[in-house]
Amino acid sequence: MQEPSTLEAVIWRKSSLSGDGNCIEVATVKGEVVGVRDSKDAAGPVLAFSPTAWTGFVSGLKTRQLDRR
């Protein structure tokens, strides 16, 4: 988990395709960490991924490897 002061300085991005409901925001922190948070709770917890782990996570989502069965 990154220190809160570190996360205040990043630019959070949200997909233009996301609606008003279940959205996430993503930010790169110093090129070393990819942060993910709930757009409805900007002050809430942030998941932190290494760039390699983030790439694997997104790949798993795209190929449906992470779908519930």
PDB file of N, CA and C in Angstrom:
ATOM      1  N   MET A   1       0.852  -1.173   0.000  1.00  0.00           N
ATOM      2  CA  MET A   1       0.000   0.000   0.000  1.00  0.00           C
ATOM      3  C   MET A   1       0.895   1.232   0.000  1.00  0.00           C
ATOM      4  N   GLN A   2       0.585   2.182  -0.840  1.00  0.00           N
ATOM      5  CA  GLN A   2       1.341   3.424  -0.914  1.00  0.00           C
ATOM      6  C   GLN A   2       0.893   4.389   0.171  1.00  0.00           C
ATOM      7  N   GLU A   3       1.786   5.294   0.528  1.00  0.00           N
ATOM      8  CA  GLU A   3       1.438   6.328   1.498  1.00  0.00           C
ATOM      9  C   GLU A   3       0.403   7.257   0.877  1.00  0.00           C
ATOM     10  N   PRO A   4      -0.581   7.735   1.651  1.00  0.00           N
ATOM     11  CA  PRO A   4      -1.625   8.615   1.109  1.00  0.00           C
ATOM     12  C   PRO A   4      -1.076   9.836   0.402  1.00  0.00           C
ATOM     13  N   SER A   5      -0.013  10.451   0.921  1.00  0.00           N
ATOM     14  CA  SER A   5       0.528  11.651   0.284  1.00  0.00           C
ATOM     15  C   SER A   5       1.055  11.346  -1.115  1.00  0.00           C
ATOM     16  N   THR A   6       1.572  10.140  -1.335  1.00  0.00           N
ATOM     17  CA  THR A   6       2.050   9.739  -2.655  1.00  0.00           C
ATOM     18  C   THR A   6       0.888   9.630  -3.631  1.00  0.00           C
ATOM     19  N   LEU A   7      -0.238   9.130  -3.180  1.00  0.00           N
ATOM     20  CA  LEU A   7      -1.392   8.919  -4.056  1.00  0.00           C
ATOM     21  C   LEU A   7      -2.122  10.210  -4.396  1.00  0.00           C
ATOM     22  N   GLU A   8      -1.970  11.246  -3.593  1.00  0.00           N
ATOM     23  CA  GLU A   8      -2.643  12.516  -3.872  1.00  0.00           C
ATOM     24  C   GLU A   8      -2.074  13.189  -5.114  1.00  0.00           C
ATOM     25  N   ALA A   9      -0.822  12.923  -5.433  1.00  0.00           N
ATOM     26  CA  ALA A   9      -0.155  13.600  -6.537  1.00  0.00           C
ATOM     27  C   ALA A   9      -0.352  12.918  -7.890  1.00  0.00           C
ATOM     28  N   VAL A  10      -0.985  11.767  -7.930  1.00  0.00           N
ATOM     29  CA  VAL A  10      -1.133  11.046  -9.199  1.00  0.00           C
ATOM     30  C   VAL A  10      -2.398  11.478  -9.933  1.00  0.00           C
ATOM     31  N   ILE A  11      -2.424  11.193 -11.214  1.00  0.00           N
ATOM     32  CA  ILE A  11      -3.601  11.480 -12.037  1.00  0.00           C
ATOM     33  C   ILE A  11      -4.367  10.177 -12.221  1.00  0.00           C
ATOM     34  N   TRP A  12      -5.586  10.147 -11.697  1.00  0.00           N
ATOM     35  CA  TRP A  12      -6.441   8.961 -11.804  1.00  0.00           C
ATOM     36  C   TRP A  12      -7.198   9.012 -13.117  1.00  0.00           C
ATOM     37  N   ARG A  13      -7.287   7.881 -13.815  1.00  0.00           N
ATOM     38  CA  ARG A  13      -7.979   7.788 -15.105  1.00  0.00           C
ATOM     39  C   ARG A  13      -9.144   6.816 -14.990  1.00  0.00           C
ATOM     40  N   LYS A  14     -10.213   7.145 -15.706  1.00  0.00           N
ATOM     41  CA  LYS A  14     -11.390   6.276 -15.757  1.00  0.00           C
ATOM     42  C   LYS A  14     -11.795   6.156 -17.217  1.00  0.00           C
ATOM     43  N   SER A  15     -12.224   4.990 -17.627  1.00  0.00           N
ATOM     44  CA  SER A  15     -12.631   4.763 -19.010  1.00  0.00           C
ATOM     45  C   SER A  15     -13.779   5.682 -19.394  1.00  0.00           C
ATOM     46  N   SER A  16     -13.722   6.206 -20.596  1.00  0.00           N
ATOM     47  CA  SER A  16     -14.831   7.030 -21.093  1.00  0.00           C
ATOM     48  C   SER A  16     -16.065   6.173 -21.356  1.00  0.00           C
ATOM     49  N   LEU A  17     -15.905   4.856 -21.399  1.00  0.00           N
ATOM     50  CA  LEU A  17     -17.029   3.949 -21.620  1.00  0.00           C
ATOM     51  C   LEU A  17     -17.740   3.569 -20.327  1.00  0.00           C
ATOM     52  N   SER A  18     -17.150   3.933 -19.196  1.00  0.00           N
ATOM     53  CA  SER A  18     -17.774   3.560 -17.925  1.00  0.00           C
ATOM     54  C   SER A  18     -18.974   4.454 -17.653  1.00  0.00           C
ATOM     55  N   GLY A  19     -19.993   3.848 -17.063  1.00  0.00           N
ATOM     56  CA  GLY A  19     -21.197   4.597 -16.733  1.00  0.00           C
ATOM     57  C   GLY A  19     -21.102   5.200 -15.352  1.00  0.00           C
ATOM     58  N   ASP A  20     -22.244   5.495 -14.782  1.00  0.00           N
ATOM     59  CA  ASP A  20     -22.282   6.108 -13.461  1.00  0.00           C
ATOM     60  C   ASP A  20     -22.150   5.087 -12.339  1.00  0.00           C
ATOM     61  N   GLY A  21     -22.155   3.821 -12.658  1.00  0.00           N
ATOM     62  CA  GLY A  21     -22.217   2.790 -11.619  1.00  0.00           C
ATOM     63  C   GLY A  21     -20.889   2.251 -11.167  1.00  0.00           C
ATOM     64  N   ASN A  22     -20.620   1.014 -11.502  1.00  0.00           N
ATOM     65  CA  ASN A  22     -19.460   0.282 -10.985  1.00  0.00           C
ATOM     66  C   ASN A  22     -18.205   0.580 -11.792  1.00  0.00           C
ATOM     67  N   CYS A  23     -17.510   1.631 -11.410  1.00  0.00           N
ATOM     68  CA  CYS A  23     -16.332   2.058 -12.151  1.00  0.00           C
ATOM     69  C   CYS A  23     -15.095   1.992 -11.269  1.00  0.00           C
ATOM     70  N   ILE A  24     -13.970   1.784 -11.915  1.00  0.00           N
ATOM     71  CA  ILE A  24     -12.698   1.877 -11.211  1.00  0.00           C
ATOM     72  C   ILE A  24     -11.885   2.989 -11.848  1.00  0.00           C
ATOM     73  N   GLU A  25     -10.915   3.475 -11.110  1.00  0.00           N
ATOM     74  CA  GLU A  25      -9.951   4.431 -11.619  1.00  0.00           C
ATOM     75  C   GLU A  25      -8.572   3.806 -11.471  1.00  0.00           C
ATOM     76  N   VAL A  26      -7.685   4.144 -12.397  1.00  0.00           N
ATOM     77  CA  VAL A  26      -6.346   3.570 -12.429  1.00  0.00           C
ATOM     78  C   VAL A  26      -5.333   4.705 -12.500  1.00  0.00           C
ATOM     79  N   ALA A  27      -4.226   4.554 -11.792  1.00  0.00           N
ATOM     80  CA  ALA A  27      -3.152   5.547 -11.837  1.00  0.00           C
ATOM     81  C   ALA A  27      -1.812   4.836 -11.742  1.00  0.00           C
ATOM     82  N   THR A  28      -0.815   5.408 -12.395  1.00  0.00           N
ATOM     83  CA  THR A  28       0.548   4.903 -12.270  1.00  0.00           C
ATOM     84  C   THR A  28       1.274   5.778 -11.261  1.00  0.00           C
ATOM     85  N   VAL A  29       1.871   5.144 -10.272  1.00  0.00           N
ATOM     86  CA  VAL A  29       2.566   5.860  -9.208  1.00  0.00           C
ATOM     87  C   VAL A  29       4.069   5.703  -9.414  1.00  0.00           C
ATOM     88  N   LYS A  30       4.709   6.777  -9.827  1.00  0.00           N
ATOM     89  CA  LYS A  30       6.167   6.803 -10.018  1.00  0.00           C
ATOM     90  C   LYS A  30       6.669   5.702 -10.946  1.00  0.00           C
ATOM     91  N   GLY A  31       5.838   5.226 -11.858  1.00  0.00           N
ATOM     92  CA  GLY A  31       6.233   4.197 -12.806  1.00  0.00           C
ATOM     93  C   GLY A  31       6.505   2.834 -12.195  1.00  0.00           C
ATOM     94  N   GLU A  32       6.315   2.712 -10.882  1.00  0.00           N
ATOM     95  CA  GLU A  32       6.639   1.470 -10.191  1.00  0.00           C
ATOM     96  C   GLU A  32       5.417   0.703  -9.728  1.00  0.00           C
ATOM     97  N   VAL A  33       4.294   1.389  -9.592  1.00  0.00           N
ATOM     98  CA  VAL A  33       3.087   0.786  -9.029  1.00  0.00           C
ATOM     99  C   VAL A  33       1.889   1.246  -9.840  1.00  0.00           C
ATOM    100  N   VAL A  34       0.955   0.338 -10.094  1.00  0.00           N
ATOM    101  CA  VAL A  34      -0.324   0.696 -10.702  1.00  0.00           C
ATOM    102  C   VAL A  34      -1.355   0.628  -9.587  1.00  0.00           C
ATOM    103  N   GLY A  35      -1.989   1.773  -9.313  1.00  0.00           N
ATOM    104  CA  GLY A  35      -3.013   1.843  -8.278  1.00  0.00           C
ATOM    105  C   GLY A  35      -4.393   1.727  -8.888  1.00  0.00           C
ATOM    106  N   VAL A  36      -5.288   1.032  -8.191  1.00  0.00           N
ATOM    107  CA  VAL A  36      -6.668   0.849  -8.646  1.00  0.00           C
ATOM    108  C   VAL A  36      -7.581   1.169  -7.473  1.00  0.00           C
ATOM    109  N   ARG A  37      -8.609   1.999  -7.729  1.00  0.00           N
ATOM    110  CA  ARG A  37      -9.552   2.349  -6.666  1.00  0.00           C
ATOM    111  C   ARG A  37     -10.963   2.431  -7.216  1.00  0.00           C
ATOM    112  N   ASP A  38     -11.927   2.422  -6.320  1.00  0.00           N
ATOM    113  CA  ASP A  38     -13.343   2.569  -6.646  1.00  0.00           C
ATOM    114  C   ASP A  38     -13.610   4.046  -6.903  1.00  0.00           C
ATOM    115  N   SER A  39     -14.167   4.381  -8.055  1.00  0.00           N
ATOM    116  CA  SER A  39     -14.399   5.786  -8.389  1.00  0.00           C
ATOM    117  C   SER A  39     -15.413   6.455  -7.464  1.00  0.00           C
ATOM    118  N   LYS A  40     -16.256   5.662  -6.820  1.00  0.00           N
ATOM    119  CA  LYS A  40     -17.252   6.234  -5.907  1.00  0.00           C
ATOM    120  C   LYS A  40     -16.666   6.528  -4.532  1.00  0.00           C
ATOM    121  N   ASP A  41     -15.456   6.052  -4.261  1.00  0.00           N
ATOM    122  CA  ASP A  41     -14.843   6.217  -2.943  1.00  0.00           C
ATOM    123  C   ASP A  41     -13.372   6.592  -3.111  1.00  0.00           C
ATOM    124  N   ALA A  42     -13.140   7.810  -3.585  1.00  0.00           N
ATOM    125  CA  ALA A  42     -11.777   8.254  -3.882  1.00  0.00           C
ATOM    126  C   ALA A  42     -10.870   8.248  -2.654  1.00  0.00           C
ATOM    127  N   ALA A  43     -11.432   8.367  -1.473  1.00  0.00           N
ATOM    128  CA  ALA A  43     -10.630   8.358  -0.245  1.00  0.00           C
ATOM    129  C   ALA A  43     -10.480   6.944   0.318  1.00  0.00           C
ATOM    130  N   GLY A  44     -11.083   5.975  -0.343  1.00  0.00           N
ATOM    131  CA  GLY A  44     -11.064   4.599   0.144  1.00  0.00           C
ATOM    132  C   GLY A  44      -9.767   3.885  -0.176  1.00  0.00           C
ATOM    133  N   PRO A  45      -9.750   2.579   0.031  1.00  0.00           N
ATOM    134  CA  PRO A  45      -8.530   1.791  -0.174  1.00  0.00           C
ATOM    135  C   PRO A  45      -8.121   1.725  -1.644  1.00  0.00           C
ATOM    136  N   VAL A  46      -6.842   1.518  -1.847  1.00  0.00           N
ATOM    137  CA  VAL A  46      -6.267   1.408  -3.188  1.00  0.00           C
ATOM    138  C   VAL A  46      -5.559   0.065  -3.293  1.00  0.00           C
ATOM    139  N   LEU A  47      -5.873  -0.675  -4.347  1.00  0.00           N
ATOM    140  CA  LEU A  47      -5.121  -1.900  -4.644  1.00  0.00           C
ATOM    141  C   LEU A  47      -3.856  -1.496  -5.392  1.00  0.00           C
ATOM    142  N   ALA A  48      -2.740  -2.070  -5.036  1.00  0.00           N
ATOM    143  CA  ALA A  48      -1.474  -1.733  -5.679  1.00  0.00           C
ATOM    144  C   ALA A  48      -0.912  -2.963  -6.380  1.00  0.00           C
ATOM    145  N   PHE A  49      -0.593  -2.805  -7.660  1.00  0.00           N
ATOM    146  CA  PHE A  49      -0.029  -3.873  -8.481  1.00  0.00           C
ATOM    147  C   PHE A  49       1.338  -3.434  -8.991  1.00  0.00           C
ATOM    148  N   SER A  50       2.257  -4.366  -9.138  1.00  0.00           N
ATOM    149  CA  SER A  50       3.469  -4.063  -9.900  1.00  0.00           C
ATOM    150  C   SER A  50       3.028  -3.957 -11.360  1.00  0.00           C
ATOM    151  N   PRO A  51       3.800  -3.269 -12.206  1.00  0.00           N
ATOM    152  CA  PRO A  51       3.409  -3.207 -13.621  1.00  0.00           C
ATOM    153  C   PRO A  51       3.242  -4.594 -14.253  1.00  0.00           C
ATOM    154  N   THR A  52       4.098  -5.545 -13.895  1.00  0.00           N
ATOM    155  CA  THR A  52       3.992  -6.901 -14.439  1.00  0.00           C
ATOM    156  C   THR A  52       2.719  -7.585 -13.966  1.00  0.00           C
ATOM    157  N   ALA A  53       2.410  -7.455 -12.680  1.00  0.00           N
ATOM    158  CA  ALA A  53       1.187  -8.064 -12.144  1.00  0.00           C
ATOM    159  C   ALA A  53      -0.050  -7.428 -12.762  1.00  0.00           C
ATOM    160  N   TRP A  54      -0.025  -6.109 -12.988  1.00  0.00           N
ATOM    161  CA  TRP A  54      -1.164  -5.417 -13.596  1.00  0.00           C
ATOM    162  C   TRP A  54      -1.400  -5.933 -15.013  1.00  0.00           C
ATOM    163  N   THR A  55      -0.325  -6.080 -15.779  1.00  0.00           N
ATOM    164  CA  THR A  55      -0.447  -6.592 -17.144  1.00  0.00           C
ATOM    165  C   THR A  55      -1.062  -7.988 -17.134  1.00  0.00           C
ATOM    166  N   GLY A  56      -0.618  -8.837 -16.222  1.00  0.00           N
ATOM    167  CA  GLY A  56      -1.183 -10.184 -16.109  1.00  0.00           C
ATOM    168  C   GLY A  56      -2.637 -10.167 -15.689  1.00  0.00           C
ATOM    169  N   PHE A  57      -2.989  -9.277 -14.763  1.00  0.00           N
ATOM    170  CA  PHE A  57      -4.371  -9.156 -14.299  1.00  0.00           C
ATOM    171  C   PHE A  57      -5.289  -8.732 -15.446  1.00  0.00           C
ATOM    172  N   VAL A  58      -4.900  -7.707 -16.180  1.00  0.00           N
ATOM    173  CA  VAL A  58      -5.713  -7.231 -17.305  1.00  0.00           C
ATOM    174  C   VAL A  58      -5.819  -8.309 -18.377  1.00  0.00           C
ATOM    175  N   SER A  59      -4.729  -9.004 -18.652  1.00  0.00           N
ATOM    176  CA  SER A  59      -4.759 -10.096 -19.626  1.00  0.00           C
ATOM    177  C   SER A  59      -5.734 -11.181 -19.191  1.00  0.00           C
ATOM    178  N   GLY A  60      -5.713 -11.522 -17.908  1.00  0.00           N
ATOM    179  CA  GLY A  60      -6.637 -12.527 -17.381  1.00  0.00           C
ATOM    180  C   GLY A  60      -8.088 -12.104 -17.516  1.00  0.00           C
ATOM    181  N   LEU A  61      -8.345 -10.816 -17.331  1.00  0.00           N
ATOM    182  CA  LEU A  61      -9.715 -10.314 -17.507  1.00  0.00           C
ATOM    183  C   LEU A  61     -10.152 -10.409 -18.967  1.00  0.00           C
ATOM    184  N   LYS A  62      -9.272  -9.983 -19.863  1.00  0.00           N
ATOM    185  CA  LYS A  62      -9.609  -9.980 -21.291  1.00  0.00           C
ATOM    186  C   LYS A  62      -9.845 -11.382 -21.840  1.00  0.00           C
ATOM    187  N   THR A  63      -9.122 -12.361 -21.324  1.00  0.00           N
ATOM    188  CA  THR A  63      -9.262 -13.733 -21.822  1.00  0.00           C
ATOM    189  C   THR A  63     -10.222 -14.562 -20.974  1.00  0.00           C
ATOM    190  N   ARG A  64     -10.877 -13.905 -20.033  1.00  0.00           N
ATOM    191  CA  ARG A  64     -11.881 -14.519 -19.163  1.00  0.00           C
ATOM    192  C   ARG A  64     -11.314 -15.609 -18.261  1.00  0.00           C
ATOM    193  N   GLN A  65     -10.021 -15.597 -18.034  1.00  0.00           N
ATOM    194  CA  GLN A  65      -9.408 -16.576 -17.135  1.00  0.00           C
ATOM    195  C   GLN A  65      -9.815 -16.334 -15.688  1.00  0.00           C
ATOM    196  N   LEU A  66     -10.286 -15.140 -15.387  1.00  0.00           N
ATOM    197  CA  LEU A  66     -10.650 -14.796 -14.015  1.00  0.00           C
ATOM    198  C   LEU A  66     -12.153 -14.843 -13.770  1.00  0.00           C
ATOM    199  N   ASP A  67     -12.919 -15.292 -14.757  1.00  0.00           N
ATOM    200  CA  ASP A  67     -14.369 -15.409 -14.575  1.00  0.00           C
ATOM    201  C   ASP A  67     -14.682 -16.455 -13.517  1.00  0.00           C
ATOM    202  N   ARG A  68     -15.749 -16.217 -12.787  1.00  0.00           N
ATOM    203  CA  ARG A  68     -16.212 -17.225 -11.822  1.00  0.00           C
ATOM    204  C   ARG A  68     -16.805 -18.395 -12.583  1.00  0.00           C
ATOM    205  N   ARG A  69     -16.623 -19.570 -12.055  1.00  0.00           N
ATOM    206  CA  ARG A  69     -17.161 -20.753 -12.740  1.00  0.00           C
ATOM    207  C   ARG A  69     -18.115 -21.463 -11.862  1.00  0.00           C
TER     208      ARG A  69
END
